[in-house]
Amino acid sequence: MAGNREFYNRKLHSLLGVVPIGLFLVIHLTVNHYAVNGAAAFNKAAGFMENLPFLLFLEVVFIYLPLLFHAIYGLYISFTASSNVGTMGYFRNWMYLLQRISGVLVLIFLVFHIYETRIQMALGKELNFDLMANLLANRWMLAWYIIGTVAAIFHFANGLWSFLVSWGITQSRRSQQISTYVMIVVFVLLSVVGVRALLAFA
């Protein structure tokens, strides 16, 4: 019974990492990238997202609750699973280890980012271009945001590779190799989008 529960928990953890969390990450990066076209373009895109009907309900049900489960169970996996990087050193073993490390890093970053955005909004500030520009004016803060953003994108891309394997979509060695190359492209492209947006704010 415990084994079945852990099996389903891992499946749910994997699924939530792609839908809705991964999907939200892509949307979030896309909206932020409007900053490349200036403050007015970003404010318009962010304003559209902030004015969605039932926004609080959507955030709680499709972002915060899935993220909470994914984070808590991800920490459990990180601190209970073992890795054979030291003895084997294969590429996938390193990806497995980096997935756990990036997950912890991203969790720390997300707590900070939520405080600097959503909590500040609750305290009366407006989520606009100036809020992010003032935050990222500090070069150390900019560096922290770049690290956190790239780590989140890596965690998503590498997790998507694992999702395809664990859900039986890529079963052969050949399909898994192709998936690796695809996820590298996904990682690079989303990283360019994310970093360009941060530099536009800065």
C-alpha atoms as a PDB file:
ATOM      1  CA  MET A   1       0.000   0.000   0.000  1.00  0.00           C
ATOM      2  CA  ALA A   2       2.816   2.407   0.916  1.00  0.00           C
ATOM      3  CA  GLY A   3       4.597   1.511  -2.310  1.00  0.00           C
ATOM      4  CA  ASN A   4       1.499   2.289  -4.361  1.00  0.00           C
ATOM      5  CA  ARG A   5       1.061   5.611  -2.584  1.00  0.00           C
ATOM      6  CA  GLU A   6       4.665   6.569  -3.292  1.00  0.00           C
ATOM      7  CA  PHE A   7       4.263   5.509  -6.935  1.00  0.00           C
ATOM      8  CA  TYR A   8       1.212   7.745  -7.393  1.00  0.00           C
ATOM      9  CA  ASN A   9       2.829  10.596  -5.463  1.00  0.00           C
ATOM     10  CA  ARG A  10       5.828  10.478  -7.791  1.00  0.00           C
ATOM     11  CA  LYS A  11       3.554  10.388 -10.831  1.00  0.00           C
ATOM     12  CA  LEU A  12       1.589  13.386  -9.537  1.00  0.00           C
ATOM     13  CA  HIS A  13       4.815  15.205  -8.670  1.00  0.00           C
ATOM     14  CA  SER A  14       6.079  14.644 -12.207  1.00  0.00           C
ATOM     15  CA  LEU A  15       2.801  15.661 -13.843  1.00  0.00           C
ATOM     16  CA  LEU A  16       2.408  18.859 -11.816  1.00  0.00           C
ATOM     17  CA  GLY A  17       5.960  19.852 -12.736  1.00  0.00           C
ATOM     18  CA  VAL A  18       4.855  20.010 -16.372  1.00  0.00           C
ATOM     19  CA  VAL A  19       1.174  20.945 -16.059  1.00  0.00           C
ATOM     20  CA  PRO A  20       0.423  23.439 -14.653  1.00  0.00           C
ATOM     21  CA  ILE A  21       3.776  24.581 -13.176  1.00  0.00           C
ATOM     22  CA  GLY A  22       5.872  24.246 -16.321  1.00  0.00           C
ATOM     23  CA  LEU A  23       3.143  25.811 -18.424  1.00  0.00           C
ATOM     24  CA  PHE A  24       2.935  28.738 -16.022  1.00  0.00           C
ATOM     25  CA  LEU A  25       6.720  29.179 -16.187  1.00  0.00           C
ATOM     26  CA  VAL A  26       6.576  29.506 -19.983  1.00  0.00           C
ATOM     27  CA  ILE A  27       3.697  31.999 -19.760  1.00  0.00           C
ATOM     28  CA  HIS A  28       5.484  33.974 -17.043  1.00  0.00           C
ATOM     29  CA  LEU A  29       8.679  34.173 -19.096  1.00  0.00           C
ATOM     30  CA  THR A  30       6.686  35.253 -22.154  1.00  0.00           C
ATOM     31  CA  VAL A  31       4.937  38.053 -20.278  1.00  0.00           C
ATOM     32  CA  ASN A  32       8.227  39.225 -18.763  1.00  0.00           C
ATOM     33  CA  HIS A  33       9.828  39.279 -22.202  1.00  0.00           C
ATOM     34  CA  TYR A  34       7.511  42.127 -23.171  1.00  0.00           C
ATOM     35  CA  ALA A  35       9.903  44.265 -21.115  1.00  0.00           C
ATOM     36  CA  VAL A  36      12.293  44.079 -24.074  1.00  0.00           C
ATOM     37  CA  ASN A  37       9.835  46.337 -25.938  1.00  0.00           C
ATOM     38  CA  GLY A  38       9.733  48.887 -23.141  1.00  0.00           C
ATOM     39  CA  ALA A  39       7.830  49.716 -19.966  1.00  0.00           C
ATOM     40  CA  ALA A  40       4.499  50.340 -21.686  1.00  0.00           C
ATOM     41  CA  ALA A  41       4.542  46.955 -23.448  1.00  0.00           C
ATOM     42  CA  PHE A  42       5.324  45.096 -20.222  1.00  0.00           C
ATOM     43  CA  ASN A  43       2.763  47.010 -18.184  1.00  0.00           C
ATOM     44  CA  LYS A  44       0.086  46.203 -20.762  1.00  0.00           C
ATOM     45  CA  ALA A  45       0.923  42.481 -20.752  1.00  0.00           C
ATOM     46  CA  ALA A  46       1.179  42.320 -16.957  1.00  0.00           C
ATOM     47  CA  GLY A  47      -2.036  44.300 -16.600  1.00  0.00           C
ATOM     48  CA  PHE A  48      -3.851  41.819 -18.827  1.00  0.00           C
ATOM     49  CA  MET A  49      -2.712  38.929 -16.622  1.00  0.00           C
ATOM     50  CA  GLU A  50      -3.613  40.780 -13.425  1.00  0.00           C
ATOM     51  CA  ASN A  51      -7.122  41.513 -14.703  1.00  0.00           C
ATOM     52  CA  LEU A  52      -8.024  37.921 -15.569  1.00  0.00           C
ATOM     53  CA  PRO A  53     -11.377  36.918 -14.052  1.00  0.00           C
ATOM     54  CA  PHE A  54     -11.187  34.798 -10.889  1.00  0.00           C
ATOM     55  CA  LEU A  55      -7.442  35.498 -10.716  1.00  0.00           C
ATOM     56  CA  LEU A  56      -7.033  34.571  -7.039  1.00  0.00           C
ATOM     57  CA  PHE A  57      -8.881  31.286  -7.554  1.00  0.00           C
ATOM     58  CA  LEU A  58      -6.764  30.482 -10.616  1.00  0.00           C
ATOM     59  CA  GLU A  59      -3.538  31.292  -8.777  1.00  0.00           C
ATOM     60  CA  VAL A  60      -4.400  29.195  -5.727  1.00  0.00           C
ATOM     61  CA  VAL A  61      -5.759  26.166  -7.599  1.00  0.00           C
ATOM     62  CA  PHE A  62      -3.439  26.080 -10.607  1.00  0.00           C
ATOM     63  CA  ILE A  63      -0.225  27.616  -9.231  1.00  0.00           C
ATOM     64  CA  TYR A  64       0.180  27.745  -5.454  1.00  0.00           C
ATOM     65  CA  LEU A  65      -1.340  24.389  -4.456  1.00  0.00           C
ATOM     66  CA  PRO A  66       0.409  22.397  -7.230  1.00  0.00           C
ATOM     67  CA  LEU A  67       3.638  24.266  -6.493  1.00  0.00           C
ATOM     68  CA  LEU A  68       3.319  23.525  -2.772  1.00  0.00           C
ATOM     69  CA  PHE A  69       2.904  19.790  -3.366  1.00  0.00           C
ATOM     70  CA  HIS A  70       5.650  19.709  -5.992  1.00  0.00           C
ATOM     71  CA  ALA A  71       8.047  21.563  -3.697  1.00  0.00           C
ATOM     72  CA  ILE A  72       7.353  19.532  -0.550  1.00  0.00           C
ATOM     73  CA  TYR A  73       7.486  16.172  -2.292  1.00  0.00           C
ATOM     74  CA  GLY A  74      10.486  17.329  -4.306  1.00  0.00           C
ATOM     75  CA  LEU A  75      12.342  18.090  -1.065  1.00  0.00           C
ATOM     76  CA  TYR A  76      11.415  14.637   0.211  1.00  0.00           C
ATOM     77  CA  ILE A  77      12.856  13.073  -2.932  1.00  0.00           C
ATOM     78  CA  SER A  78      15.975  15.253  -2.776  1.00  0.00           C
ATOM     79  CA  PHE A  79      16.859  14.302   0.773  1.00  0.00           C
ATOM     80  CA  THR A  80      15.910  10.616   0.639  1.00  0.00           C
ATOM     81  CA  ALA A  81      17.088   9.547  -2.819  1.00  0.00           C
ATOM     82  CA  SER A  82      20.655   8.491  -3.499  1.00  0.00           C
ATOM     83  CA  SER A  83      22.809   9.249  -6.517  1.00  0.00           C
ATOM     84  CA  ASN A  84      25.715   7.225  -7.923  1.00  0.00           C
ATOM     85  CA  VAL A  85      27.476  10.208  -9.498  1.00  0.00           C
ATOM     86  CA  GLY A  86      30.585   9.532  -7.454  1.00  0.00           C
ATOM     87  CA  THR A  87      30.958   5.991  -8.748  1.00  0.00           C
ATOM     88  CA  MET A  88      29.355   6.132 -12.191  1.00  0.00           C
ATOM     89  CA  GLY A  89      29.498   9.701 -13.440  1.00  0.00           C
ATOM     90  CA  TYR A  90      27.239   9.197 -16.453  1.00  0.00           C
ATOM     91  CA  PHE A  91      25.526  12.233 -17.978  1.00  0.00           C
ATOM     92  CA  ARG A  92      22.062  11.236 -16.777  1.00  0.00           C
ATOM     93  CA  ASN A  93      23.296  10.643 -13.248  1.00  0.00           C
ATOM     94  CA  TRP A  94      24.684  14.172 -13.208  1.00  0.00           C
ATOM     95  CA  MET A  95      21.372  15.475 -14.549  1.00  0.00           C
ATOM     96  CA  TYR A  96      19.595  13.593 -11.761  1.00  0.00           C
ATOM     97  CA  LEU A  97      21.834  15.216  -9.135  1.00  0.00           C
ATOM     98  CA  LEU A  98      21.547  18.685 -10.712  1.00  0.00           C
ATOM     99  CA  GLN A  99      17.772  18.290 -10.831  1.00  0.00           C
ATOM    100  CA  ARG A 100      17.712  17.877  -7.036  1.00  0.00           C
ATOM    101  CA  ILE A 101      20.146  20.758  -6.440  1.00  0.00           C
ATOM    102  CA  SER A 102      18.322  23.093  -8.811  1.00  0.00           C
ATOM    103  CA  GLY A 103      14.996  22.196  -7.192  1.00  0.00           C
ATOM    104  CA  VAL A 104      16.186  23.365  -3.767  1.00  0.00           C
ATOM    105  CA  LEU A 105      17.722  26.506  -5.277  1.00  0.00           C
ATOM    106  CA  VAL A 106      14.555  27.315  -7.217  1.00  0.00           C
ATOM    107  CA  LEU A 107      12.417  26.882  -4.093  1.00  0.00           C
ATOM    108  CA  ILE A 108      14.550  29.442  -2.242  1.00  0.00           C
ATOM    109  CA  PHE A 109      14.382  31.774  -5.239  1.00  0.00           C
ATOM    110  CA  LEU A 110      10.607  31.426  -5.566  1.00  0.00           C
ATOM    111  CA  VAL A 111      10.011  32.293  -1.920  1.00  0.00           C
ATOM    112  CA  PHE A 112      12.125  35.419  -2.398  1.00  0.00           C
ATOM    113  CA  HIS A 113      10.469  36.301  -5.720  1.00  0.00           C
ATOM    114  CA  ILE A 114       6.948  35.884  -4.333  1.00  0.00           C
ATOM    115  CA  TYR A 115       7.844  38.140  -1.429  1.00  0.00           C
ATOM    116  CA  GLU A 116       9.251  40.799  -3.747  1.00  0.00           C
ATOM    117  CA  THR A 117       6.221  40.733  -6.062  1.00  0.00           C
ATOM    118  CA  ARG A 118       2.972  39.221  -4.769  1.00  0.00           C
ATOM    119  CA  ILE A 119       3.539  40.159  -1.119  1.00  0.00           C
ATOM    120  CA  GLN A 120       4.569  43.677  -2.103  1.00  0.00           C
ATOM    121  CA  MET A 121       1.380  43.949  -4.155  1.00  0.00           C
ATOM    122  CA  ALA A 122      -0.635  42.899  -1.116  1.00  0.00           C
ATOM    123  CA  LEU A 123       1.107  45.689   0.803  1.00  0.00           C
ATOM    124  CA  GLY A 124      -0.064  48.252  -1.738  1.00  0.00           C
ATOM    125  CA  LYS A 125       2.587  48.331  -4.458  1.00  0.00           C
ATOM    126  CA  GLU A 126       1.673  47.990  -8.126  1.00  0.00           C
ATOM    127  CA  LEU A 127       3.151  45.197 -10.197  1.00  0.00           C
ATOM    128  CA  ASN A 128       4.655  47.130 -13.080  1.00  0.00           C
ATOM    129  CA  PHE A 129       7.892  47.751 -14.933  1.00  0.00           C
ATOM    130  CA  ASP A 130       9.185  50.188 -12.310  1.00  0.00           C
ATOM    131  CA  LEU A 131       8.792  47.641  -9.496  1.00  0.00           C
ATOM    132  CA  MET A 132      11.075  45.173 -11.256  1.00  0.00           C
ATOM    133  CA  ALA A 133      13.431  47.867 -12.550  1.00  0.00           C
ATOM    134  CA  ASN A 134      13.987  49.204  -9.033  1.00  0.00           C
ATOM    135  CA  LEU A 135      14.562  45.694  -7.715  1.00  0.00           C
ATOM    136  CA  LEU A 136      17.039  44.742 -10.436  1.00  0.00           C
ATOM    137  CA  ALA A 137      18.929  48.031 -10.358  1.00  0.00           C
ATOM    138  CA  ASN A 138      21.215  46.347  -7.835  1.00  0.00           C
ATOM    139  CA  ARG A 139      23.691  44.222  -9.820  1.00  0.00           C
ATOM    140  CA  TRP A 140      23.830  41.556  -7.104  1.00  0.00           C
ATOM    141  CA  MET A 141      20.058  41.281  -7.196  1.00  0.00           C
ATOM    142  CA  LEU A 142      20.203  41.041 -10.984  1.00  0.00           C
ATOM    143  CA  ALA A 143      22.757  38.245 -10.724  1.00  0.00           C
ATOM    144  CA  TRP A 144      20.572  36.423  -8.190  1.00  0.00           C
ATOM    145  CA  TYR A 145      17.549  36.706 -10.483  1.00  0.00           C
ATOM    146  CA  ILE A 146      19.517  35.439 -13.467  1.00  0.00           C
ATOM    147  CA  ILE A 147      20.753  32.448 -11.450  1.00  0.00           C
ATOM    148  CA  GLY A 148      17.271  31.718 -10.105  1.00  0.00           C
ATOM    149  CA  THR A 149      15.621  32.065 -13.512  1.00  0.00           C
ATOM    150  CA  VAL A 150      18.138  29.869 -15.328  1.00  0.00           C
ATOM    151  CA  ALA A 151      17.927  27.279 -12.533  1.00  0.00           C
ATOM    152  CA  ALA A 152      14.118  27.230 -12.842  1.00  0.00           C
ATOM    153  CA  ILE A 153      14.349  26.755 -16.612  1.00  0.00           C
ATOM    154  CA  PHE A 154      16.901  23.964 -16.222  1.00  0.00           C
ATOM    155  CA  HIS A 155      14.707  22.274 -13.616  1.00  0.00           C
ATOM    156  CA  PHE A 156      11.750  22.454 -15.992  1.00  0.00           C
ATOM    157  CA  ALA A 157      13.600  21.252 -19.114  1.00  0.00           C
ATOM    158  CA  ASN A 158      15.381  18.408 -17.328  1.00  0.00           C
ATOM    159  CA  GLY A 159      12.191  17.511 -15.473  1.00  0.00           C
ATOM    160  CA  LEU A 160      10.318  17.410 -18.774  1.00  0.00           C
ATOM    161  CA  TRP A 161      12.855  14.860 -20.040  1.00  0.00           C
ATOM    162  CA  SER A 162      12.220  12.721 -16.953  1.00  0.00           C
ATOM    163  CA  PHE A 163       8.475  13.151 -17.356  1.00  0.00           C
ATOM    164  CA  LEU A 164       8.594  11.751 -20.895  1.00  0.00           C
ATOM    165  CA  VAL A 165      10.518   8.718 -19.645  1.00  0.00           C
ATOM    166  CA  SER A 166       8.481   8.031 -16.503  1.00  0.00           C
ATOM    167  CA  TRP A 167       5.180   8.334 -18.372  1.00  0.00           C
ATOM    168  CA  GLY A 168       6.339   5.890 -21.047  1.00  0.00           C
ATOM    169  CA  ILE A 169       6.474   8.416 -23.902  1.00  0.00           C
ATOM    170  CA  THR A 170      10.191   7.994 -24.626  1.00  0.00           C
ATOM    171  CA  GLN A 171      11.038   4.359 -23.918  1.00  0.00           C
ATOM    172  CA  SER A 172      13.813   3.543 -26.366  1.00  0.00           C
ATOM    173  CA  ARG A 173      17.408   4.718 -26.020  1.00  0.00           C
ATOM    174  CA  ARG A 174      17.111   6.521 -29.363  1.00  0.00           C
ATOM    175  CA  SER A 175      13.985   8.444 -28.340  1.00  0.00           C
ATOM    176  CA  GLN A 176      15.608   9.422 -25.065  1.00  0.00           C
ATOM    177  CA  GLN A 177      18.692  10.713 -26.893  1.00  0.00           C
ATOM    178  CA  ILE A 178      16.518  12.789 -29.207  1.00  0.00           C
ATOM    179  CA  SER A 179      14.572  14.050 -26.192  1.00  0.00           C
ATOM    180  CA  THR A 180      17.855  15.112 -24.579  1.00  0.00           C
ATOM    181  CA  TYR A 181      18.754  17.261 -27.592  1.00  0.00           C
ATOM    182  CA  VAL A 182      15.244  18.738 -27.696  1.00  0.00           C
ATOM    183  CA  MET A 183      15.389  19.644 -24.010  1.00  0.00           C
ATOM    184  CA  ILE A 184      18.785  21.295 -24.460  1.00  0.00           C
ATOM    185  CA  VAL A 185      17.205  23.488 -27.156  1.00  0.00           C
ATOM    186  CA  VAL A 186      14.231  24.221 -24.862  1.00  0.00           C
ATOM    187  CA  PHE A 187      16.608  25.151 -22.052  1.00  0.00           C
ATOM    188  CA  VAL A 188      18.694  27.465 -24.234  1.00  0.00           C
ATOM    189  CA  LEU A 189      15.736  29.209 -25.881  1.00  0.00           C
ATOM    190  CA  LEU A 190      13.832  29.797 -22.635  1.00  0.00           C
ATOM    191  CA  SER A 191      17.026  30.962 -20.930  1.00  0.00           C
ATOM    192  CA  VAL A 192      17.548  33.551 -23.677  1.00  0.00           C
ATOM    193  CA  VAL A 193      13.966  34.743 -23.201  1.00  0.00           C
ATOM    194  CA  GLY A 194      14.308  34.908 -19.418  1.00  0.00           C
ATOM    195  CA  VAL A 195      17.708  36.606 -19.292  1.00  0.00           C
ATOM    196  CA  ARG A 196      16.788  39.134 -22.006  1.00  0.00           C
ATOM    197  CA  ALA A 197      13.740  40.147 -19.970  1.00  0.00           C
ATOM    198  CA  LEU A 198      15.807  40.601 -16.806  1.00  0.00           C
ATOM    199  CA  LEU A 199      18.403  42.680 -18.635  1.00  0.00           C
ATOM    200  CA  ALA A 200      15.609  44.809 -20.118  1.00  0.00           C
ATOM    201  CA  PHE A 201      14.375  45.593 -16.606  1.00  0.00           C
ATOM    202  CA  ALA A 202      17.904  46.353 -15.475  1.00  0.00           C
END
